[in-house]
């Protein structure tokens, strides 16, 4: 039996799917968390099993279901569980002026409170392990049109470092902040081209760039409390206004 297993939240769609399949390629059995994407989860599970790894689909609604039962179910199926990837996320744009309590509660519960509590339950259940939180390179900015979402992700970044300190040396906790990798279908070609103009490497990333970052964080056991920004340098492009670029 393999000695490696990973729980991936939101593991059936978008980046979560890429992380799940990449971990299977690396020899991990997969506890595949899903909420509403049941058909996609079955497809991903089939792909993982075809790779020769075990996969168990674990439904959980982060807005209503208890989180300790998710960790318990993952451990029951995979007693060798030693990796947690907090990839599930929810996103809704709204400036502060249009943000109400319901929006705040949804964004913070899924994007910050759930990863925090899952880390707590994971740390209580395993002797040694590794956590990777999927953040967002937008945490480098103060983009108020995404107030609730961005505040929850900024909190996730800070919590990553707090948890790394609290649970060391048994549990390593790191993060990945993706840039322009998998834009939603609503984003136009012109919008993406405009975003790429602000990326020093002048190109869009791929899911493979993120899975390589995940591999690094899992394999290097002397790294904890770090957030890898995988965005082509977009988040450091903060030159600001000054006399030499005035009216360029």
C-alpha atoms as a PDB file:
ATOM      1  CA  UNK A   1       0.000   0.000   0.000  1.00  0.00           C
ATOM      2  CA  UNK A   2       1.201   3.487  -0.807  1.00  0.00           C
ATOM      3  CA  UNK A   3       2.404   5.616   2.092  1.00  0.00           C
ATOM      4  CA  UNK A   4       0.991   8.813   0.585  1.00  0.00           C
ATOM      5  CA  UNK A   5      -2.527  10.201   0.368  1.00  0.00           C
ATOM      6  CA  UNK A   6      -3.901  13.708  -0.089  1.00  0.00           C
ATOM      7  CA  UNK A   7      -7.204  15.427   0.595  1.00  0.00           C
ATOM      8  CA  UNK A   8      -7.916  18.050  -2.078  1.00  0.00           C
ATOM      9  CA  UNK A   9     -10.831  20.388  -1.445  1.00  0.00           C
ATOM     10  CA  UNK A  10     -12.649  21.500  -4.553  1.00  0.00           C
ATOM     11  CA  UNK A  11     -10.703  18.743  -6.246  1.00  0.00           C
ATOM     12  CA  UNK A  12     -13.064  18.083  -9.151  1.00  0.00           C
ATOM     13  CA  UNK A  13     -12.952  21.356 -11.057  1.00  0.00           C
ATOM     14  CA  UNK A  14     -10.552  23.984 -12.386  1.00  0.00           C
ATOM     15  CA  UNK A  15      -7.245  24.156 -10.475  1.00  0.00           C
ATOM     16  CA  UNK A  16      -8.427  21.603  -7.916  1.00  0.00           C
ATOM     17  CA  UNK A  17      -8.750  19.027 -10.662  1.00  0.00           C
ATOM     18  CA  UNK A  18      -5.218  19.719 -11.886  1.00  0.00           C
ATOM     19  CA  UNK A  19      -3.877  19.373  -8.339  1.00  0.00           C
ATOM     20  CA  UNK A  20      -5.765  16.113  -7.792  1.00  0.00           C
ATOM     21  CA  UNK A  21      -4.517  14.531 -11.001  1.00  0.00           C
ATOM     22  CA  UNK A  22      -0.959  15.820 -10.506  1.00  0.00           C
ATOM     23  CA  UNK A  23      -0.847  14.324  -7.014  1.00  0.00           C
ATOM     24  CA  UNK A  24      -2.074  11.017  -8.399  1.00  0.00           C
ATOM     25  CA  UNK A  25       0.753  11.175 -10.944  1.00  0.00           C
ATOM     26  CA  UNK A  26       3.143  11.651  -8.024  1.00  0.00           C
ATOM     27  CA  UNK A  27       1.891   8.487  -6.313  1.00  0.00           C
ATOM     28  CA  UNK A  28      -0.760   9.865  -3.967  1.00  0.00           C
ATOM     29  CA  UNK A  29      -4.139   8.314  -3.306  1.00  0.00           C
ATOM     30  CA  UNK A  30      -6.766  11.047  -3.450  1.00  0.00           C
ATOM     31  CA  UNK A  31      -9.568  11.964  -1.073  1.00  0.00           C
ATOM     32  CA  UNK A  32     -11.567  14.113  -3.482  1.00  0.00           C
ATOM     33  CA  UNK A  33     -13.752  16.707  -1.781  1.00  0.00           C
ATOM     34  CA  UNK A  34     -16.753  17.880  -3.772  1.00  0.00           C
ATOM     35  CA  UNK A  35     -19.796  20.020  -3.140  1.00  0.00           C
ATOM     36  CA  UNK A  36     -22.026  20.456  -6.192  1.00  0.00           C
ATOM     37  CA  UNK A  37     -19.759  19.168  -8.987  1.00  0.00           C
ATOM     38  CA  UNK A  38     -20.675  15.500  -8.590  1.00  0.00           C
ATOM     39  CA  UNK A  39     -20.493  14.553 -12.288  1.00  0.00           C
ATOM     40  CA  UNK A  40     -17.076  16.172 -12.644  1.00  0.00           C
ATOM     41  CA  UNK A  41     -15.918  14.373  -9.493  1.00  0.00           C
ATOM     42  CA  UNK A  42     -16.846  10.987 -10.960  1.00  0.00           C
ATOM     43  CA  UNK A  43     -14.863  11.826 -14.087  1.00  0.00           C
ATOM     44  CA  UNK A  44     -11.804  12.890 -12.100  1.00  0.00           C
ATOM     45  CA  UNK A  45     -12.042   9.810  -9.874  1.00  0.00           C
ATOM     46  CA  UNK A  46     -12.106   7.595 -12.958  1.00  0.00           C
ATOM     47  CA  UNK A  47      -9.028   9.350 -14.335  1.00  0.00           C
ATOM     48  CA  UNK A  48      -7.165   8.914 -11.055  1.00  0.00           C
ATOM     49  CA  UNK A  49      -8.056   5.225 -10.793  1.00  0.00           C
ATOM     50  CA  UNK A  50      -6.863   4.722 -14.357  1.00  0.00           C
ATOM     51  CA  UNK A  51      -3.509   6.080 -13.193  1.00  0.00           C
ATOM     52  CA  UNK A  52      -3.343   3.207 -10.691  1.00  0.00           C
ATOM     53  CA  UNK A  53      -4.194   5.251  -7.612  1.00  0.00           C
ATOM     54  CA  UNK A  54      -7.137   5.025  -5.223  1.00  0.00           C
ATOM     55  CA  UNK A  55      -9.722   7.799  -5.129  1.00  0.00           C
ATOM     56  CA  UNK A  56     -12.658   8.394  -2.789  1.00  0.00           C
ATOM     57  CA  UNK A  57     -15.232  11.126  -3.441  1.00  0.00           C
ATOM     58  CA  UNK A  58     -16.146  12.944  -0.224  1.00  0.00           C
ATOM     59  CA  UNK A  59     -19.135  15.328  -0.411  1.00  0.00           C
ATOM     60  CA  UNK A  60     -19.197  18.306   1.953  1.00  0.00           C
ATOM     61  CA  UNK A  61     -20.990  21.647   1.804  1.00  0.00           C
ATOM     62  CA  UNK A  62     -18.694  24.129   3.512  1.00  0.00           C
ATOM     63  CA  UNK A  63     -21.576  26.490   4.244  1.00  0.00           C
ATOM     64  CA  UNK A  64     -23.641  23.937   6.148  1.00  0.00           C
ATOM     65  CA  UNK A  65     -21.834  20.671   6.921  1.00  0.00           C
ATOM     66  CA  UNK A  66     -19.467  19.987   9.858  1.00  0.00           C
ATOM     67  CA  UNK A  67     -15.841  20.018   8.754  1.00  0.00           C
ATOM     68  CA  UNK A  68     -14.446  17.490  11.213  1.00  0.00           C
ATOM     69  CA  UNK A  69     -16.448  14.760   9.501  1.00  0.00           C
ATOM     70  CA  UNK A  70     -14.654  15.472   6.214  1.00  0.00           C
ATOM     71  CA  UNK A  71     -11.259  14.855   7.803  1.00  0.00           C
ATOM     72  CA  UNK A  72     -12.617  11.807   9.633  1.00  0.00           C
ATOM     73  CA  UNK A  73     -13.952  10.323   6.389  1.00  0.00           C
ATOM     74  CA  UNK A  74     -10.656  10.973   4.606  1.00  0.00           C
ATOM     75  CA  UNK A  75      -8.641   9.339   7.405  1.00  0.00           C
ATOM     76  CA  UNK A  76     -11.025   6.395   7.604  1.00  0.00           C
ATOM     77  CA  UNK A  77     -10.574   5.698   3.897  1.00  0.00           C
ATOM     78  CA  UNK A  78      -6.882   6.613   3.772  1.00  0.00           C
ATOM     79  CA  UNK A  79      -5.180   6.076   7.155  1.00  0.00           C
ATOM     80  CA  UNK A  80      -1.920   7.138   5.452  1.00  0.00           C
ATOM     81  CA  UNK A  81      -3.297  10.643   4.724  1.00  0.00           C
ATOM     82  CA  UNK A  82      -0.529  13.207   5.131  1.00  0.00           C
ATOM     83  CA  UNK A  83      -1.359  16.064   2.718  1.00  0.00           C
ATOM     84  CA  UNK A  84      -4.164  18.630   2.723  1.00  0.00           C
ATOM     85  CA  UNK A  85      -4.602  20.967  -0.252  1.00  0.00           C
ATOM     86  CA  UNK A  86      -7.113  23.743   0.451  1.00  0.00           C
ATOM     87  CA  UNK A  87      -8.113  24.553  -3.119  1.00  0.00           C
ATOM     88  CA  UNK A  88     -11.872  25.129  -2.799  1.00  0.00           C
ATOM     89  CA  UNK A  89     -12.827  28.760  -3.181  1.00  0.00           C
ATOM     90  CA  UNK A  90     -15.773  31.014  -3.855  1.00  0.00           C
ATOM     91  CA  UNK A  91     -15.673  34.351  -5.610  1.00  0.00           C
ATOM     92  CA  UNK A  92     -18.075  37.233  -6.000  1.00  0.00           C
ATOM     93  CA  UNK A  93     -17.109  40.751  -6.993  1.00  0.00           C
ATOM     94  CA  UNK A  94     -18.504  43.675  -5.004  1.00  0.00           C
ATOM     95  CA  UNK A  95     -16.989  46.881  -3.593  1.00  0.00           C
ATOM     96  CA  UNK A  96     -17.313  47.696   0.091  1.00  0.00           C
ATOM     97  CA  UNK A  97     -20.285  49.968  -0.624  1.00  0.00           C
ATOM     98  CA  UNK A  98     -22.219  46.990  -2.034  1.00  0.00           C
ATOM     99  CA  UNK A  99     -21.054  44.313   0.406  1.00  0.00           C
ATOM    100  CA  UNK A 100     -23.600  42.933   2.846  1.00  0.00           C
ATOM    101  CA  UNK A 101     -23.318  40.445   5.697  1.00  0.00           C
ATOM    102  CA  UNK A 102     -24.444  37.501   3.594  1.00  0.00           C
ATOM    103  CA  UNK A 103     -21.678  38.107   1.068  1.00  0.00           C
ATOM    104  CA  UNK A 104     -19.082  38.519   3.803  1.00  0.00           C
ATOM    105  CA  UNK A 105     -20.175  35.329   5.537  1.00  0.00           C
ATOM    106  CA  UNK A 106     -20.043  33.266   2.345  1.00  0.00           C
ATOM    107  CA  UNK A 107     -16.655  34.549   1.187  1.00  0.00           C
ATOM    108  CA  UNK A 108     -15.005  34.304   4.586  1.00  0.00           C
ATOM    109  CA  UNK A 109     -16.532  30.962   5.513  1.00  0.00           C
ATOM    110  CA  UNK A 110     -15.382  29.198   2.350  1.00  0.00           C
ATOM    111  CA  UNK A 111     -12.108  31.031   1.675  1.00  0.00           C
ATOM    112  CA  UNK A 112     -10.745  31.485   5.211  1.00  0.00           C
ATOM    113  CA  UNK A 113     -12.702  29.852   8.024  1.00  0.00           C
ATOM    114  CA  UNK A 114     -12.948  26.463   6.316  1.00  0.00           C
ATOM    115  CA  UNK A 115      -9.206  26.147   5.543  1.00  0.00           C
ATOM    116  CA  UNK A 116      -8.409  27.226   9.115  1.00  0.00           C
ATOM    117  CA  UNK A 117     -10.696  24.613  10.667  1.00  0.00           C
ATOM    118  CA  UNK A 118      -9.609  21.900   8.242  1.00  0.00           C
ATOM    119  CA  UNK A 119      -5.992  22.550   9.194  1.00  0.00           C
ATOM    120  CA  UNK A 120      -6.982  22.297  12.860  1.00  0.00           C
ATOM    121  CA  UNK A 121      -8.754  18.947  12.347  1.00  0.00           C
ATOM    122  CA  UNK A 122      -5.985  17.670  10.043  1.00  0.00           C
ATOM    123  CA  UNK A 123      -3.294  18.524  12.609  1.00  0.00           C
ATOM    124  CA  UNK A 124      -5.282  16.719  15.306  1.00  0.00           C
ATOM    125  CA  UNK A 125      -5.661  13.615  13.154  1.00  0.00           C
ATOM    126  CA  UNK A 126      -2.193  13.027  11.657  1.00  0.00           C
ATOM    127  CA  UNK A 127       1.205  12.647  13.248  1.00  0.00           C
ATOM    128  CA  UNK A 128       3.064  14.463  10.461  1.00  0.00           C
ATOM    129  CA  UNK A 129       1.873  16.180   7.327  1.00  0.00           C
ATOM    130  CA  UNK A 130       1.879  19.032   4.883  1.00  0.00           C
ATOM    131  CA  UNK A 131      -0.756  21.654   4.056  1.00  0.00           C
ATOM    132  CA  UNK A 132      -0.857  23.804   0.926  1.00  0.00           C
ATOM    133  CA  UNK A 133      -3.343  26.681   0.790  1.00  0.00           C
ATOM    134  CA  UNK A 134      -4.296  28.048  -2.633  1.00  0.00           C
ATOM    135  CA  UNK A 135      -4.454  31.819  -2.283  1.00  0.00           C
ATOM    136  CA  UNK A 136      -4.443  34.430  -5.109  1.00  0.00           C
ATOM    137  CA  UNK A 137      -1.836  36.882  -6.357  1.00  0.00           C
ATOM    138  CA  UNK A 138      -4.434  39.629  -5.884  1.00  0.00           C
ATOM    139  CA  UNK A 139      -3.470  39.660  -2.200  1.00  0.00           C
ATOM    140  CA  UNK A 140      -0.580  41.932  -3.255  1.00  0.00           C
ATOM    141  CA  UNK A 141      -3.100  44.645  -4.171  1.00  0.00           C
ATOM    142  CA  UNK A 142      -5.941  46.630  -2.625  1.00  0.00           C
ATOM    143  CA  UNK A 143      -8.562  46.004  -5.298  1.00  0.00           C
ATOM    144  CA  UNK A 144     -11.686  47.172  -3.505  1.00  0.00           C
ATOM    145  CA  UNK A 145     -14.070  45.999  -6.272  1.00  0.00           C
ATOM    146  CA  UNK A 146     -13.430  42.505  -4.844  1.00  0.00           C
ATOM    147  CA  UNK A 147     -13.563  43.562  -1.193  1.00  0.00           C
ATOM    148  CA  UNK A 148     -14.998  40.511   0.596  1.00  0.00           C
ATOM    149  CA  UNK A 149     -13.217  37.972  -1.606  1.00  0.00           C
ATOM    150  CA  UNK A 150      -9.866  39.713  -1.427  1.00  0.00           C
ATOM    151  CA  UNK A 151     -10.038  40.307   2.321  1.00  0.00           C
ATOM    152  CA  UNK A 152     -10.752  36.611   2.861  1.00  0.00           C
ATOM    153  CA  UNK A 153      -7.755  35.657   0.699  1.00  0.00           C
ATOM    154  CA  UNK A 154      -5.494  38.178   2.465  1.00  0.00           C
ATOM    155  CA  UNK A 155      -6.578  36.530   5.701  1.00  0.00           C
ATOM    156  CA  UNK A 156      -5.750  33.114   4.242  1.00  0.00           C
ATOM    157  CA  UNK A 157      -2.225  34.272   3.465  1.00  0.00           C
ATOM    158  CA  UNK A 158      -1.699  35.525   7.033  1.00  0.00           C
ATOM    159  CA  UNK A 159      -3.256  32.379   8.492  1.00  0.00           C
ATOM    160  CA  UNK A 160      -0.861  30.255   6.432  1.00  0.00           C
ATOM    161  CA  UNK A 161       2.091  31.765   8.269  1.00  0.00           C
ATOM    162  CA  UNK A 162       0.405  31.627  11.671  1.00  0.00           C
ATOM    163  CA  UNK A 163      -0.439  27.936  11.203  1.00  0.00           C
ATOM    164  CA  UNK A 164       3.096  27.200  10.033  1.00  0.00           C
ATOM    165  CA  UNK A 165       4.392  28.519  13.346  1.00  0.00           C
ATOM    166  CA  UNK A 166       1.754  26.880  15.507  1.00  0.00           C
ATOM    167  CA  UNK A 167       1.950  23.384  14.058  1.00  0.00           C
ATOM    168  CA  UNK A 168       5.694  23.148  13.410  1.00  0.00           C
ATOM    169  CA  UNK A 169       7.556  20.867  13.383  1.00  0.00           C
ATOM    170  CA  UNK A 170       4.890  18.186  12.818  1.00  0.00           C
ATOM    171  CA  UNK A 171       2.933  19.991  10.113  1.00  0.00           C
ATOM    172  CA  UNK A 172       4.377  22.185   7.384  1.00  0.00           C
ATOM    173  CA  UNK A 173       1.987  24.852   6.050  1.00  0.00           C
ATOM    174  CA  UNK A 174       2.632  26.758   2.830  1.00  0.00           C
ATOM    175  CA  UNK A 175       0.659  28.500   0.106  1.00  0.00           C
ATOM    176  CA  UNK A 176       0.524  29.101  -3.623  1.00  0.00           C
ATOM    177  CA  UNK A 177      -0.738  32.392  -5.074  1.00  0.00           C
ATOM    178  CA  UNK A 178      -1.689  31.849  -8.726  1.00  0.00           C
ATOM    179  CA  UNK A 179      -1.797  34.639 -11.281  1.00  0.00           C
ATOM    180  CA  UNK A 180      -3.346  34.536 -14.761  1.00  0.00           C
ATOM    181  CA  UNK A 181      -3.551  30.777 -15.333  1.00  0.00           C
ATOM    182  CA  UNK A 182      -7.162  29.660 -15.772  1.00  0.00           C
ATOM    183  CA  UNK A 183      -9.304  32.738 -16.472  1.00  0.00           C
ATOM    184  CA  UNK A 184     -13.033  32.122 -16.311  1.00  0.00           C
ATOM    185  CA  UNK A 185     -14.931  31.792 -19.564  1.00  0.00           C
ATOM    186  CA  UNK A 186     -16.508  35.197 -18.969  1.00  0.00           C
ATOM    187  CA  UNK A 187     -13.147  36.912 -19.501  1.00  0.00           C
ATOM    188  CA  UNK A 188     -12.735  38.187 -23.050  1.00  0.00           C
ATOM    189  CA  UNK A 189      -9.646  37.750 -25.220  1.00  0.00           C
ATOM    190  CA  UNK A 190      -9.062  41.517 -25.067  1.00  0.00           C
ATOM    191  CA  UNK A 191      -9.226  41.452 -21.278  1.00  0.00           C
ATOM    192  CA  UNK A 192      -6.679  38.644 -21.055  1.00  0.00           C
ATOM    193  CA  UNK A 193      -4.373  40.444 -23.499  1.00  0.00           C
ATOM    194  CA  UNK A 194      -4.640  43.562 -21.333  1.00  0.00           C
ATOM    195  CA  UNK A 195      -3.782  41.565 -18.201  1.00  0.00           C
ATOM    196  CA  UNK A 196      -0.723  40.059 -19.894  1.00  0.00           C
ATOM    197  CA  UNK A 197       0.617  43.550 -20.554  1.00  0.00           C
ATOM    198  CA  UNK A 198       1.024  43.907 -16.787  1.00  0.00           C
ATOM    199  CA  UNK A 199       2.998  40.669 -16.404  1.00  0.00           C
ATOM    200  CA  UNK A 200       6.786  41.114 -16.603  1.00  0.00           C
ATOM    201  CA  UNK A 201       7.208  37.694 -18.252  1.00  0.00           C
ATOM    202  CA  UNK A 202       4.590  38.800 -20.807  1.00  0.00           C
ATOM    203  CA  UNK A 203       2.679  35.537 -20.993  1.00  0.00           C
ATOM    204  CA  UNK A 204      -0.090  33.545 -19.374  1.00  0.00           C
ATOM    205  CA  UNK A 205       0.724  30.746 -16.978  1.00  0.00           C
ATOM    206  CA  UNK A 206      -0.420  27.139 -17.222  1.00  0.00           C
ATOM    207  CA  UNK A 207      -1.714  24.691 -14.614  1.00  0.00           C
ATOM    208  CA  UNK A 208       1.614  22.871 -14.941  1.00  0.00           C
ATOM    209  CA  UNK A 209       3.356  25.911 -13.441  1.00  0.00           C
ATOM    210  CA  UNK A 210       1.154  25.533 -10.361  1.00  0.00           C
ATOM    211  CA  UNK A 211       1.504  21.768 -10.044  1.00  0.00           C
ATOM    212  CA  UNK A 212       5.295  22.176 -10.190  1.00  0.00           C
ATOM    213  CA  UNK A 213       5.005  24.638  -7.305  1.00  0.00           C
ATOM    214  CA  UNK A 214       2.887  22.116  -5.411  1.00  0.00           C
ATOM    215  CA  UNK A 215       5.476  19.385  -5.967  1.00  0.00           C
ATOM    216  CA  UNK A 216       8.200  21.682  -4.667  1.00  0.00           C
ATOM    217  CA  UNK A 217       6.319  22.530  -1.485  1.00  0.00           C
ATOM    218  CA  UNK A 218       5.583  18.877  -0.800  1.00  0.00           C
ATOM    219  CA  UNK A 219       9.071  17.601  -1.523  1.00  0.00           C
ATOM    220  CA  UNK A 220      11.201  20.248   0.197  1.00  0.00           C
ATOM    221  CA  UNK A 221      10.811  19.454   3.890  1.00  0.00           C
ATOM    222  CA  UNK A 222      12.774  22.534   5.002  1.00  0.00           C
ATOM    223  CA  UNK A 223      10.147  24.973   3.698  1.00  0.00           C
ATOM    224  CA  UNK A 224       7.237  26.175   5.803  1.00  0.00           C
ATOM    225  CA  UNK A 225       5.289  29.401   6.190  1.00  0.00           C
ATOM    226  CA  UNK A 226       6.011  30.428   2.608  1.00  0.00           C
ATOM    227  CA  UNK A 227       3.657  31.596  -0.135  1.00  0.00           C
ATOM    228  CA  UNK A 228       4.892  30.979  -3.670  1.00  0.00           C
ATOM    229  CA  UNK A 229       3.582  33.605  -6.077  1.00  0.00           C
ATOM    230  CA  UNK A 230       3.275  31.835  -9.434  1.00  0.00           C
ATOM    231  CA  UNK A 231       2.231  34.731 -11.638  1.00  0.00           C
ATOM    232  CA  UNK A 232       5.050  35.702 -14.004  1.00  0.00           C
ATOM    233  CA  UNK A 233       6.000  38.569 -11.708  1.00  0.00           C
ATOM    234  CA  UNK A 234       2.638  40.352 -11.958  1.00  0.00           C
ATOM    235  CA  UNK A 235       2.345  40.918  -8.218  1.00  0.00           C
ATOM    236  CA  UNK A 236       5.709  42.727  -7.999  1.00  0.00           C
ATOM    237  CA  UNK A 237       4.841  45.085 -10.853  1.00  0.00           C
ATOM    238  CA  UNK A 238       4.189  47.963  -8.448  1.00  0.00           C
ATOM    239  CA  UNK A 239       6.392  50.675  -9.864  1.00  0.00           C
ATOM    240  CA  UNK A 240       4.022  53.470  -8.940  1.00  0.00           C
ATOM    241  CA  UNK A 241       3.935  56.975 -10.339  1.00  0.00           C
ATOM    242  CA  UNK A 242       7.061  59.131 -10.436  1.00  0.00           C
ATOM    243  CA  UNK A 243       8.670  61.924 -12.435  1.00  0.00           C
ATOM    244  CA  UNK A 244      10.269  59.621 -14.999  1.00  0.00           C
ATOM    245  CA  UNK A 245       7.022  57.952 -16.054  1.00  0.00           C
ATOM    246  CA  UNK A 246       4.898  61.121 -15.893  1.00  0.00           C
ATOM    247  CA  UNK A 247       3.049  61.572 -19.210  1.00  0.00           C
ATOM    248  CA  UNK A 248       4.908  58.722 -20.904  1.00  0.00           C
END
